[in-house]
């Protein structure tokens, strides 16, 4: 299964693609989509959406996942982040993908083992989980972590379904 992970942001949205075969994960691609801060908000959102559609067409994922938004003390920043997340969700849904959504602490726990992990710990674990992957930046690293989290959740759900069928 090919999984697209996304870390939404208005300035920079990270994306990462992995292949999951059982418990084996392999890096496929990763990158960052940057929007021009001098452009109007609507144009930035359109550019983000359209660039993500291009990634989806090129990588042909079977499934996708996105990180949930954490609020912060600046309401305007939180609102813009939410709008960027909406553009990301729309691109995935318009492409026919089902989207898993994960809280940042769940992503950290799935990749590092603790929900309070720091970004550098996540990046270090990515080096172990996806050897040889060259990261395009911190947002791409976060997106790969989201994809890994989704792969773990899908594998757990598949295992439960198999056990349920055996017991039936």
C-alpha atoms as a PDB file:
ATOM      1  CA  UNK A   1       0.000   0.000   0.000  1.00  0.00           C
ATOM      2  CA  UNK A   2       1.239   3.494  -0.873  1.00  0.00           C
ATOM      3  CA  UNK A   3       0.464   6.075   1.839  1.00  0.00           C
ATOM      4  CA  UNK A   4       0.626   9.860   1.541  1.00  0.00           C
ATOM      5  CA  UNK A   5       1.203  11.743   4.787  1.00  0.00           C
ATOM      6  CA  UNK A   6       0.588  15.496   4.948  1.00  0.00           C
ATOM      7  CA  UNK A   7       1.614  18.161   7.457  1.00  0.00           C
ATOM      8  CA  UNK A   8      -0.494  21.211   6.551  1.00  0.00           C
ATOM      9  CA  UNK A   9       0.670  24.794   6.800  1.00  0.00           C
ATOM     10  CA  UNK A  10      -0.126  27.937   4.856  1.00  0.00           C
ATOM     11  CA  UNK A  11       3.523  28.916   4.426  1.00  0.00           C
ATOM     12  CA  UNK A  12       4.834  25.381   4.003  1.00  0.00           C
ATOM     13  CA  UNK A  13       2.976  22.096   3.715  1.00  0.00           C
ATOM     14  CA  UNK A  14       5.037  18.965   4.035  1.00  0.00           C
ATOM     15  CA  UNK A  15       4.201  15.750   2.228  1.00  0.00           C
ATOM     16  CA  UNK A  16       5.711  12.286   2.416  1.00  0.00           C
ATOM     17  CA  UNK A  17       4.989   9.033   0.646  1.00  0.00           C
ATOM     18  CA  UNK A  18       5.824   5.583   1.976  1.00  0.00           C
ATOM     19  CA  UNK A  19       5.146   2.025   0.867  1.00  0.00           C
ATOM     20  CA  UNK A  20       3.818  -0.304   3.564  1.00  0.00           C
ATOM     21  CA  UNK A  21       4.097  -4.059   3.065  1.00  0.00           C
ATOM     22  CA  UNK A  22       2.976  -5.656   6.312  1.00  0.00           C
ATOM     23  CA  UNK A  23       5.288  -4.189   8.942  1.00  0.00           C
ATOM     24  CA  UNK A  24       7.923  -3.228   6.376  1.00  0.00           C
ATOM     25  CA  UNK A  25       8.031   0.461   5.466  1.00  0.00           C
ATOM     26  CA  UNK A  26       9.965   2.028   2.619  1.00  0.00           C
ATOM     27  CA  UNK A  27      10.458   5.642   1.680  1.00  0.00           C
ATOM     28  CA  UNK A  28       9.079   6.607  -1.730  1.00  0.00           C
ATOM     29  CA  UNK A  29       9.266  10.423  -1.845  1.00  0.00           C
ATOM     30  CA  UNK A  30       8.877  13.574   0.214  1.00  0.00           C
ATOM     31  CA  UNK A  31       8.759  17.303  -0.304  1.00  0.00           C
ATOM     32  CA  UNK A  32       7.469  20.658   0.777  1.00  0.00           C
ATOM     33  CA  UNK A  33       4.952  22.948  -0.909  1.00  0.00           C
ATOM     34  CA  UNK A  34       5.658  26.603  -0.190  1.00  0.00           C
ATOM     35  CA  UNK A  35       3.232  29.434  -0.878  1.00  0.00           C
ATOM     36  CA  UNK A  36       4.163  33.014  -1.698  1.00  0.00           C
ATOM     37  CA  UNK A  37       3.437  35.241   1.309  1.00  0.00           C
ATOM     38  CA  UNK A  38       2.861  38.256  -0.952  1.00  0.00           C
ATOM     39  CA  UNK A  39      -0.105  36.626  -2.668  1.00  0.00           C
ATOM     40  CA  UNK A  40      -3.724  36.924  -1.500  1.00  0.00           C
ATOM     41  CA  UNK A  41      -4.923  34.163   0.822  1.00  0.00           C
ATOM     42  CA  UNK A  42      -7.311  32.641  -1.738  1.00  0.00           C
ATOM     43  CA  UNK A  43      -4.511  32.334  -4.327  1.00  0.00           C
ATOM     44  CA  UNK A  44      -2.155  30.773  -1.757  1.00  0.00           C
ATOM     45  CA  UNK A  45      -4.803  28.185  -0.840  1.00  0.00           C
ATOM     46  CA  UNK A  46      -5.448  27.429  -4.522  1.00  0.00           C
ATOM     47  CA  UNK A  47      -1.712  27.019  -5.183  1.00  0.00           C
ATOM     48  CA  UNK A  48      -1.396  24.674  -2.203  1.00  0.00           C
ATOM     49  CA  UNK A  49      -4.396  22.618  -3.345  1.00  0.00           C
ATOM     50  CA  UNK A  50      -3.206  22.413  -6.929  1.00  0.00           C
ATOM     51  CA  UNK A  51       0.385  21.474  -6.000  1.00  0.00           C
ATOM     52  CA  UNK A  52      -0.923  18.715  -3.743  1.00  0.00           C
ATOM     53  CA  UNK A  53      -3.150  17.412  -6.554  1.00  0.00           C
ATOM     54  CA  UNK A  54       0.024  17.197  -8.693  1.00  0.00           C
ATOM     55  CA  UNK A  55       1.768  15.180  -5.940  1.00  0.00           C
ATOM     56  CA  UNK A  56      -1.220  12.820  -5.696  1.00  0.00           C
ATOM     57  CA  UNK A  57      -1.294  12.305  -9.473  1.00  0.00           C
ATOM     58  CA  UNK A  58       2.447  11.629  -9.566  1.00  0.00           C
ATOM     59  CA  UNK A  59       2.667   9.320  -6.532  1.00  0.00           C
ATOM     60  CA  UNK A  60      -0.723   7.546  -6.858  1.00  0.00           C
ATOM     61  CA  UNK A  61      -1.276   6.821  -3.144  1.00  0.00           C
ATOM     62  CA  UNK A  62      -3.831   4.246  -1.984  1.00  0.00           C
ATOM     63  CA  UNK A  63      -4.478   6.053   1.288  1.00  0.00           C
ATOM     64  CA  UNK A  64      -3.633   9.334   2.984  1.00  0.00           C
ATOM     65  CA  UNK A  65      -3.335  10.909   6.402  1.00  0.00           C
ATOM     66  CA  UNK A  66      -3.084  14.425   7.764  1.00  0.00           C
ATOM     67  CA  UNK A  67      -2.025  15.896  11.077  1.00  0.00           C
ATOM     68  CA  UNK A  68      -4.725  17.611  13.116  1.00  0.00           C
ATOM     69  CA  UNK A  69      -4.442  21.307  13.941  1.00  0.00           C
ATOM     70  CA  UNK A  70      -3.341  22.432  17.364  1.00  0.00           C
ATOM     71  CA  UNK A  71      -4.626  25.833  18.415  1.00  0.00           C
ATOM     72  CA  UNK A  72      -2.202  28.436  19.654  1.00  0.00           C
ATOM     73  CA  UNK A  73      -2.379  31.846  21.282  1.00  0.00           C
ATOM     74  CA  UNK A  74      -2.629  33.658  17.933  1.00  0.00           C
ATOM     75  CA  UNK A  75      -6.166  33.186  16.604  1.00  0.00           C
ATOM     76  CA  UNK A  76      -5.267  34.519  13.126  1.00  0.00           C
ATOM     77  CA  UNK A  77      -2.447  31.984  12.745  1.00  0.00           C
ATOM     78  CA  UNK A  78      -4.699  29.157  13.890  1.00  0.00           C
ATOM     79  CA  UNK A  79      -7.390  30.214  11.427  1.00  0.00           C
ATOM     80  CA  UNK A  80      -4.920  30.339   8.509  1.00  0.00           C
ATOM     81  CA  UNK A  81      -3.560  26.930   9.474  1.00  0.00           C
ATOM     82  CA  UNK A  82      -7.110  25.586   9.531  1.00  0.00           C
ATOM     83  CA  UNK A  83      -7.750  27.008   6.072  1.00  0.00           C
ATOM     84  CA  UNK A  84      -4.571  25.374   4.747  1.00  0.00           C
ATOM     85  CA  UNK A  85      -5.652  22.095   6.341  1.00  0.00           C
ATOM     86  CA  UNK A  86      -9.006  22.454   4.561  1.00  0.00           C
ATOM     87  CA  UNK A  87      -7.227  22.840   1.201  1.00  0.00           C
ATOM     88  CA  UNK A  88      -5.145  19.727   1.964  1.00  0.00           C
ATOM     89  CA  UNK A  89      -8.216  17.688   2.958  1.00  0.00           C
ATOM     90  CA  UNK A  90     -10.063  18.858  -0.146  1.00  0.00           C
ATOM     91  CA  UNK A  91      -7.208  17.828  -2.458  1.00  0.00           C
ATOM     92  CA  UNK A  92      -7.126  14.332  -0.933  1.00  0.00           C
ATOM     93  CA  UNK A  93     -10.917  13.910  -0.943  1.00  0.00           C
ATOM     94  CA  UNK A  94     -11.240  15.245  -4.509  1.00  0.00           C
ATOM     95  CA  UNK A  95      -8.710  12.600  -5.548  1.00  0.00           C
ATOM     96  CA  UNK A  96     -10.861   9.853  -4.032  1.00  0.00           C
ATOM     97  CA  UNK A  97      -8.600   9.198  -1.052  1.00  0.00           C
ATOM     98  CA  UNK A  98      -9.868   8.339   2.390  1.00  0.00           C
ATOM     99  CA  UNK A  99      -8.014  10.507   4.901  1.00  0.00           C
ATOM    100  CA  UNK A 100      -6.890   9.405   8.342  1.00  0.00           C
ATOM    101  CA  UNK A 101      -6.493  12.238  10.840  1.00  0.00           C
ATOM    102  CA  UNK A 102      -4.035  12.098  13.736  1.00  0.00           C
ATOM    103  CA  UNK A 103      -3.314  14.317  16.710  1.00  0.00           C
ATOM    104  CA  UNK A 104       0.345  15.434  16.848  1.00  0.00           C
ATOM    105  CA  UNK A 105       0.904  13.522  20.107  1.00  0.00           C
ATOM    106  CA  UNK A 106      -0.382  10.301  18.463  1.00  0.00           C
ATOM    107  CA  UNK A 107       2.099  10.807  15.608  1.00  0.00           C
ATOM    108  CA  UNK A 108       4.973  11.344  18.041  1.00  0.00           C
ATOM    109  CA  UNK A 109       3.977   8.275  20.045  1.00  0.00           C
ATOM    110  CA  UNK A 110       3.700   6.078  16.936  1.00  0.00           C
ATOM    111  CA  UNK A 111       7.124   7.096  15.636  1.00  0.00           C
ATOM    112  CA  UNK A 112       9.197   7.743  18.771  1.00  0.00           C
ATOM    113  CA  UNK A 113       7.237   5.950  21.497  1.00  0.00           C
ATOM    114  CA  UNK A 114       6.280   9.027  23.498  1.00  0.00           C
ATOM    115  CA  UNK A 115       3.694  11.713  22.793  1.00  0.00           C
ATOM    116  CA  UNK A 116       6.023  14.439  24.024  1.00  0.00           C
ATOM    117  CA  UNK A 117       8.849  13.774  21.542  1.00  0.00           C
ATOM    118  CA  UNK A 118      10.716  16.682  19.980  1.00  0.00           C
ATOM    119  CA  UNK A 119      11.125  17.263  16.241  1.00  0.00           C
ATOM    120  CA  UNK A 120      14.777  16.200  16.322  1.00  0.00           C
ATOM    121  CA  UNK A 121      13.762  12.869  17.914  1.00  0.00           C
ATOM    122  CA  UNK A 122      11.216  12.293  15.153  1.00  0.00           C
ATOM    123  CA  UNK A 123      13.813  13.045  12.491  1.00  0.00           C
ATOM    124  CA  UNK A 124      16.303  10.674  14.147  1.00  0.00           C
ATOM    125  CA  UNK A 125      13.716   7.859  14.213  1.00  0.00           C
ATOM    126  CA  UNK A 126      12.885   8.484  10.558  1.00  0.00           C
ATOM    127  CA  UNK A 127      16.530   7.708   9.814  1.00  0.00           C
ATOM    128  CA  UNK A 128      16.060   4.287  11.437  1.00  0.00           C
ATOM    129  CA  UNK A 129      12.589   3.557  10.036  1.00  0.00           C
ATOM    130  CA  UNK A 130      13.280   4.831   6.501  1.00  0.00           C
ATOM    131  CA  UNK A 131      17.021   4.331   5.970  1.00  0.00           C
ATOM    132  CA  UNK A 132      18.500   6.343   3.117  1.00  0.00           C
ATOM    133  CA  UNK A 133      15.576   8.787   2.926  1.00  0.00           C
ATOM    134  CA  UNK A 134      16.764  12.327   2.216  1.00  0.00           C
ATOM    135  CA  UNK A 135      14.390  14.722   3.947  1.00  0.00           C
ATOM    136  CA  UNK A 136      13.303  17.857   2.083  1.00  0.00           C
ATOM    137  CA  UNK A 137      12.881  19.701   5.374  1.00  0.00           C
ATOM    138  CA  UNK A 138      11.187  19.563   8.766  1.00  0.00           C
ATOM    139  CA  UNK A 139       7.648  19.741   7.348  1.00  0.00           C
ATOM    140  CA  UNK A 140       8.386  16.821   5.005  1.00  0.00           C
ATOM    141  CA  UNK A 141       9.773  14.871   7.984  1.00  0.00           C
ATOM    142  CA  UNK A 142       6.563  15.534   9.923  1.00  0.00           C
ATOM    143  CA  UNK A 143       4.513  14.368   6.924  1.00  0.00           C
ATOM    144  CA  UNK A 144       6.486  11.114   6.716  1.00  0.00           C
ATOM    145  CA  UNK A 145       5.818  10.609  10.433  1.00  0.00           C
ATOM    146  CA  UNK A 146       2.082  11.062   9.761  1.00  0.00           C
ATOM    147  CA  UNK A 147       2.270   8.467   6.952  1.00  0.00           C
ATOM    148  CA  UNK A 148       4.050   6.012   9.283  1.00  0.00           C
ATOM    149  CA  UNK A 149       1.387   6.558  11.947  1.00  0.00           C
ATOM    150  CA  UNK A 150      -1.326   5.814   9.394  1.00  0.00           C
ATOM    151  CA  UNK A 151       0.509   2.653   8.270  1.00  0.00           C
ATOM    152  CA  UNK A 152       0.645   1.426  11.883  1.00  0.00           C
ATOM    153  CA  UNK A 153      -3.060   2.125  12.406  1.00  0.00           C
ATOM    154  CA  UNK A 154      -4.015   0.380   9.154  1.00  0.00           C
ATOM    155  CA  UNK A 155      -1.886  -2.656  10.046  1.00  0.00           C
ATOM    156  CA  UNK A 156      -3.481  -2.842  13.517  1.00  0.00           C
ATOM    157  CA  UNK A 157      -6.987  -2.621  12.052  1.00  0.00           C
ATOM    158  CA  UNK A 158      -6.162  -5.302   9.478  1.00  0.00           C
ATOM    159  CA  UNK A 159      -4.801  -7.588  12.196  1.00  0.00           C
ATOM    160  CA  UNK A 160      -7.947  -7.166  14.294  1.00  0.00           C
ATOM    161  CA  UNK A 161     -10.118  -7.981  11.270  1.00  0.00           C
ATOM    162  CA  UNK A 162      -8.114 -11.167  10.606  1.00  0.00           C
ATOM    163  CA  UNK A 163      -8.450 -12.260  14.252  1.00  0.00           C
ATOM    164  CA  UNK A 164     -12.188 -11.528  14.191  1.00  0.00           C
ATOM    165  CA  UNK A 165     -12.622 -13.692  11.058  1.00  0.00           C
ATOM    166  CA  UNK A 166     -10.676 -16.575  12.653  1.00  0.00           C
ATOM    167  CA  UNK A 167     -12.804 -16.392  15.814  1.00  0.00           C
ATOM    168  CA  UNK A 168     -16.075 -16.279  13.867  1.00  0.00           C
END
